[in-house]
N, C-alpha and C. Protein backbone atom coordinates (compact mmCIF):
# COMPACT_ATOMS: atom_id res chain seq x y z
N GLU A 1 78.90 123.79 78.26
CA GLU A 1 79.28 122.40 78.28
C GLU A 1 78.19 121.57 77.61
N ALA A 2 78.58 120.69 76.75
CA ALA A 2 77.63 119.86 76.00
C ALA A 2 77.72 118.41 76.46
N TRP A 3 76.61 117.71 76.33
CA TRP A 3 76.56 116.29 76.64
C TRP A 3 76.90 115.53 75.37
N TYR A 4 77.72 114.51 75.49
CA TYR A 4 78.15 113.77 74.31
C TYR A 4 78.30 112.29 74.64
N MET A 5 77.90 111.45 73.71
CA MET A 5 78.11 110.01 73.82
C MET A 5 78.42 109.49 72.43
N SER A 6 79.50 108.77 72.31
CA SER A 6 79.86 108.22 71.00
C SER A 6 78.90 107.10 70.63
N ALA A 7 78.87 106.77 69.37
CA ALA A 7 78.02 105.67 68.90
C ALA A 7 78.41 104.36 69.59
N GLU A 8 79.70 104.15 69.77
CA GLU A 8 80.16 102.92 70.43
C GLU A 8 79.68 102.86 71.88
N ASP A 9 79.80 103.99 72.60
CA ASP A 9 79.34 104.03 73.99
C ASP A 9 77.83 103.83 74.07
N TYR A 10 77.10 104.45 73.15
CA TYR A 10 75.64 104.31 73.15
C TYR A 10 75.24 102.84 72.96
N LEU A 11 75.84 102.19 71.98
CA LEU A 11 75.49 100.80 71.70
C LEU A 11 75.90 99.87 72.85
N LYS A 12 77.03 100.13 73.48
CA LYS A 12 77.43 99.32 74.63
C LYS A 12 76.40 99.47 75.76
N HIS A 13 75.98 100.70 76.01
CA HIS A 13 74.99 100.95 77.06
C HIS A 13 73.65 100.31 76.69
N ALA A 14 73.24 100.46 75.44
CA ALA A 14 71.97 99.88 74.99
C ALA A 14 71.98 98.36 75.14
N LEU A 15 73.07 97.71 74.76
CA LEU A 15 73.16 96.26 74.91
C LEU A 15 73.12 95.85 76.38
N LYS A 16 73.74 96.63 77.26
CA LYS A 16 73.69 96.32 78.69
C LYS A 16 72.26 96.41 79.22
N VAL A 17 71.51 97.40 78.78
CA VAL A 17 70.11 97.55 79.20
C VAL A 17 69.31 96.31 78.79
N ILE A 18 69.51 95.86 77.55
CA ILE A 18 68.78 94.69 77.05
C ILE A 18 69.23 93.43 77.78
N GLU A 19 70.54 93.26 77.96
CA GLU A 19 71.04 92.06 78.63
C GLU A 19 70.62 92.00 80.09
N ASP A 20 70.49 93.16 80.74
CA ASP A 20 70.01 93.18 82.13
C ASP A 20 68.56 92.71 82.21
N ARG A 21 67.77 93.06 81.23
CA ARG A 21 66.36 92.66 81.23
C ARG A 21 66.17 91.22 80.76
N TYR A 22 66.96 90.82 79.78
CA TYR A 22 66.87 89.47 79.20
C TYR A 22 68.25 88.82 79.24
N PRO A 23 68.63 88.24 80.38
CA PRO A 23 69.98 87.66 80.49
C PRO A 23 70.29 86.60 79.43
N SER A 24 69.29 85.89 78.96
CA SER A 24 69.55 84.86 77.95
C SER A 24 69.92 85.46 76.60
N SER A 25 69.76 86.78 76.43
CA SER A 25 70.11 87.41 75.16
C SER A 25 71.61 87.64 75.02
N LYS A 26 72.40 87.31 76.06
CA LYS A 26 73.84 87.52 76.02
C LYS A 26 74.55 86.57 75.07
N SER A 27 73.90 85.52 74.67
CA SER A 27 74.57 84.57 73.77
C SER A 27 74.88 85.26 72.45
N GLU A 28 75.94 84.84 71.84
CA GLU A 28 76.35 85.44 70.58
C GLU A 28 75.99 84.53 69.41
N LYS A 29 74.78 83.98 69.48
CA LYS A 29 74.36 83.09 68.41
C LYS A 29 74.16 83.90 67.12
N LYS A 30 74.47 83.28 66.05
CA LYS A 30 74.32 83.92 64.74
C LYS A 30 72.93 83.63 64.20
N VAL A 31 72.35 84.60 63.56
CA VAL A 31 71.04 84.41 62.93
C VAL A 31 71.17 84.77 61.46
N ASP A 32 70.32 84.16 60.65
CA ASP A 32 70.37 84.40 59.21
C ASP A 32 69.67 85.68 58.79
N ALA A 33 68.66 86.07 59.56
CA ALA A 33 67.88 87.25 59.22
C ALA A 33 67.46 87.97 60.50
N PRO A 34 67.26 89.29 60.44
CA PRO A 34 66.89 90.02 61.64
C PRO A 34 65.51 89.67 62.18
N MET A 35 64.64 89.11 61.34
CA MET A 35 63.30 88.74 61.78
C MET A 35 63.01 87.34 61.25
N LEU A 36 62.41 86.51 62.08
CA LEU A 36 62.09 85.15 61.64
C LEU A 36 61.14 85.19 60.45
N ILE A 37 61.42 84.40 59.46
CA ILE A 37 60.61 84.39 58.24
C ILE A 37 59.18 83.94 58.54
N GLN A 38 59.03 82.97 59.44
CA GLN A 38 57.70 82.43 59.74
C GLN A 38 56.91 83.29 60.72
N TYR A 39 57.49 84.38 61.25
CA TYR A 39 56.78 85.24 62.20
C TYR A 39 56.00 86.31 61.44
N HIS A 40 54.71 86.41 61.74
CA HIS A 40 53.84 87.40 61.10
C HIS A 40 53.20 88.25 62.19
N PRO A 41 53.81 89.40 62.52
CA PRO A 41 53.30 90.22 63.62
C PRO A 41 51.87 90.71 63.40
N GLU A 42 51.45 90.79 62.15
CA GLU A 42 50.10 91.29 61.87
C GLU A 42 49.01 90.31 62.30
N ILE A 43 49.36 89.04 62.50
CA ILE A 43 48.35 88.07 62.93
C ILE A 43 48.63 87.54 64.34
N ASP A 44 49.54 88.18 65.04
CA ASP A 44 49.89 87.77 66.40
C ASP A 44 48.69 87.97 67.33
N GLU A 45 48.36 86.96 68.10
CA GLU A 45 47.23 87.04 69.02
C GLU A 45 47.65 86.82 70.47
N SER A 46 48.93 87.01 70.77
CA SER A 46 49.38 86.85 72.16
C SER A 46 48.86 88.03 72.99
N PRO A 47 48.84 87.89 74.31
CA PRO A 47 48.27 88.94 75.18
C PRO A 47 49.01 90.28 75.00
N TYR A 48 48.26 91.35 75.20
CA TYR A 48 48.86 92.69 75.11
C TYR A 48 49.76 92.94 76.32
N LEU A 49 50.72 93.82 76.13
CA LEU A 49 51.62 94.20 77.21
C LEU A 49 50.93 95.18 78.15
N ASP A 50 51.34 95.16 79.41
CA ASP A 50 50.87 96.19 80.33
C ASP A 50 51.63 97.48 80.02
N ASP A 51 51.27 98.58 80.66
CA ASP A 51 51.87 99.88 80.34
C ASP A 51 53.38 99.90 80.51
N SER A 52 53.86 99.29 81.59
CA SER A 52 55.30 99.29 81.85
C SER A 52 56.07 98.53 80.77
N ASN A 53 55.59 97.35 80.41
CA ASN A 53 56.26 96.57 79.37
C ASN A 53 56.09 97.18 77.98
N ALA A 54 54.96 97.83 77.73
CA ALA A 54 54.76 98.51 76.45
C ALA A 54 55.76 99.66 76.32
N ASN A 55 55.99 100.38 77.41
CA ASN A 55 56.97 101.46 77.41
C ASN A 55 58.36 100.91 77.14
N TYR A 56 58.70 99.78 77.77
CA TYR A 56 60.01 99.16 77.52
C TYR A 56 60.13 98.74 76.06
N TYR A 57 59.08 98.15 75.50
CA TYR A 57 59.10 97.73 74.09
C TYR A 57 59.36 98.93 73.18
N GLN A 58 58.71 100.04 73.46
CA GLN A 58 58.92 101.24 72.64
C GLN A 58 60.36 101.74 72.79
N SER A 59 60.93 101.63 73.99
CA SER A 59 62.33 102.00 74.19
C SER A 59 63.25 101.09 73.39
N LEU A 60 62.93 99.80 73.38
CA LEU A 60 63.71 98.83 72.61
C LEU A 60 63.67 99.17 71.12
N ILE A 61 62.52 99.52 70.62
CA ILE A 61 62.40 99.92 69.22
C ILE A 61 63.24 101.17 68.96
N GLY A 62 63.23 102.12 69.89
CA GLY A 62 64.06 103.32 69.75
C GLY A 62 65.55 102.99 69.69
N ILE A 63 65.99 102.06 70.53
CA ILE A 63 67.39 101.63 70.52
C ILE A 63 67.72 101.03 69.15
N LEU A 64 66.83 100.18 68.66
CA LEU A 64 67.07 99.53 67.36
C LEU A 64 67.03 100.54 66.21
N GLN A 65 66.15 101.54 66.29
CA GLN A 65 66.10 102.57 65.24
C GLN A 65 67.40 103.37 65.23
N TRP A 66 67.93 103.64 66.41
CA TRP A 66 69.20 104.36 66.47
C TRP A 66 70.33 103.50 65.90
N ALA A 67 70.30 102.19 66.15
CA ALA A 67 71.30 101.31 65.57
C ALA A 67 71.24 101.35 64.04
N VAL A 68 70.03 101.44 63.49
CA VAL A 68 69.87 101.57 62.03
C VAL A 68 70.53 102.87 61.56
N GLU A 69 70.29 103.95 62.28
CA GLU A 69 70.89 105.24 61.93
C GLU A 69 72.41 105.20 61.98
N LEU A 70 72.95 104.37 62.89
CA LEU A 70 74.40 104.26 63.02
C LEU A 70 75.03 103.33 62.00
N GLY A 71 74.20 102.74 61.13
CA GLY A 71 74.75 101.94 60.05
C GLY A 71 74.26 100.52 59.94
N ARG A 72 73.40 100.06 60.85
CA ARG A 72 72.88 98.69 60.76
C ARG A 72 71.66 98.65 59.84
N ILE A 73 71.88 99.01 58.57
CA ILE A 73 70.75 99.06 57.64
C ILE A 73 70.16 97.68 57.36
N ASP A 74 70.89 96.62 57.71
CA ASP A 74 70.39 95.27 57.49
C ASP A 74 69.20 94.94 58.38
N ILE A 75 68.99 95.69 59.46
CA ILE A 75 67.86 95.42 60.35
C ILE A 75 66.73 96.44 60.18
N ALA A 76 66.86 97.33 59.22
CA ALA A 76 65.90 98.43 59.05
C ALA A 76 64.47 97.93 58.81
N TYR A 77 64.28 96.94 57.96
CA TYR A 77 62.92 96.46 57.67
C TYR A 77 62.28 95.85 58.91
N ALA A 78 63.02 95.00 59.62
CA ALA A 78 62.48 94.37 60.82
C ALA A 78 62.14 95.41 61.88
N VAL A 79 63.02 96.37 62.09
CA VAL A 79 62.78 97.42 63.09
C VAL A 79 61.55 98.24 62.69
N GLY A 80 61.44 98.58 61.42
CA GLY A 80 60.28 99.32 60.95
C GLY A 80 58.98 98.55 61.15
N SER A 81 59.03 97.25 60.92
CA SER A 81 57.84 96.42 61.12
C SER A 81 57.41 96.42 62.57
N PHE A 82 58.36 96.24 63.48
CA PHE A 82 58.01 96.25 64.90
C PHE A 82 57.54 97.63 65.35
N ALA A 83 58.14 98.67 64.82
CA ALA A 83 57.71 100.03 65.18
C ALA A 83 56.29 100.29 64.69
N MET A 84 55.96 99.81 63.50
CA MET A 84 54.62 100.01 62.95
C MET A 84 53.57 99.35 63.85
N PHE A 85 53.85 98.16 64.32
CA PHE A 85 52.86 97.47 65.14
C PHE A 85 52.77 98.05 66.54
N SER A 86 53.81 98.71 67.01
CA SER A 86 53.71 99.34 68.33
C SER A 86 52.87 100.60 68.24
N ALA A 87 52.82 101.21 67.07
CA ALA A 87 52.03 102.43 66.91
C ALA A 87 50.57 102.13 66.57
N MET A 88 50.31 101.01 65.91
CA MET A 88 48.96 100.71 65.44
C MET A 88 48.03 100.22 66.54
N ARG A 89 48.55 99.45 67.48
CA ARG A 89 47.72 98.89 68.54
C ARG A 89 48.63 98.57 69.71
N PRO A 90 48.08 98.22 70.84
CA PRO A 90 48.96 97.85 71.95
C PRO A 90 49.87 96.69 71.54
N SER A 91 51.10 96.77 71.93
CA SER A 91 52.06 95.72 71.59
C SER A 91 51.74 94.46 72.37
N SER A 92 52.07 93.33 71.78
CA SER A 92 51.82 92.05 72.43
C SER A 92 53.09 91.51 73.07
N THR A 93 52.93 90.50 73.88
CA THR A 93 54.09 89.88 74.52
C THR A 93 55.03 89.27 73.48
N ALA A 94 54.49 88.73 72.42
CA ALA A 94 55.34 88.15 71.36
C ALA A 94 56.12 89.24 70.64
N HIS A 95 55.50 90.40 70.41
CA HIS A 95 56.22 91.51 69.79
C HIS A 95 57.43 91.90 70.63
N CYS A 96 57.25 91.92 71.93
CA CYS A 96 58.32 92.34 72.83
C CYS A 96 59.48 91.36 72.82
N ARG A 97 59.22 90.08 72.68
CA ARG A 97 60.27 89.07 72.70
C ARG A 97 60.96 88.90 71.34
N MET A 98 60.28 89.22 70.27
CA MET A 98 60.81 88.95 68.94
C MET A 98 62.12 89.68 68.63
N PRO A 99 62.26 90.97 68.93
CA PRO A 99 63.54 91.61 68.59
C PRO A 99 64.73 91.04 69.36
N ILE A 100 64.48 90.42 70.51
CA ILE A 100 65.56 89.87 71.33
C ILE A 100 66.04 88.53 70.76
N ARG A 101 65.08 87.70 70.32
CA ARG A 101 65.36 86.38 69.73
C ARG A 101 66.20 85.51 70.63
N ASP A 102 65.84 85.40 71.92
CA ASP A 102 66.61 84.54 72.81
C ASP A 102 66.07 83.14 72.86
């Protein structure tokens, strides 16, 4: 017996996980770009995340990377940028909030 989850089921579950953590992210507001043009994560000086929130941020990046694999190539650059900064140094509170854009 194999375990299976369709792409649609995965994305529904992933969105529920995010909405449970950030209820304000449920709005269906439209955005022009996946990452704010004026946001520069390389110069972000907000406080670092604790271990629990850093782990959540890395999970969020994983969810977004899987969405790219499923066809959301329009967010690939933004997801790659956030993934790069999570690997280079401890993630900051601003990094964690940016992919949600609430």
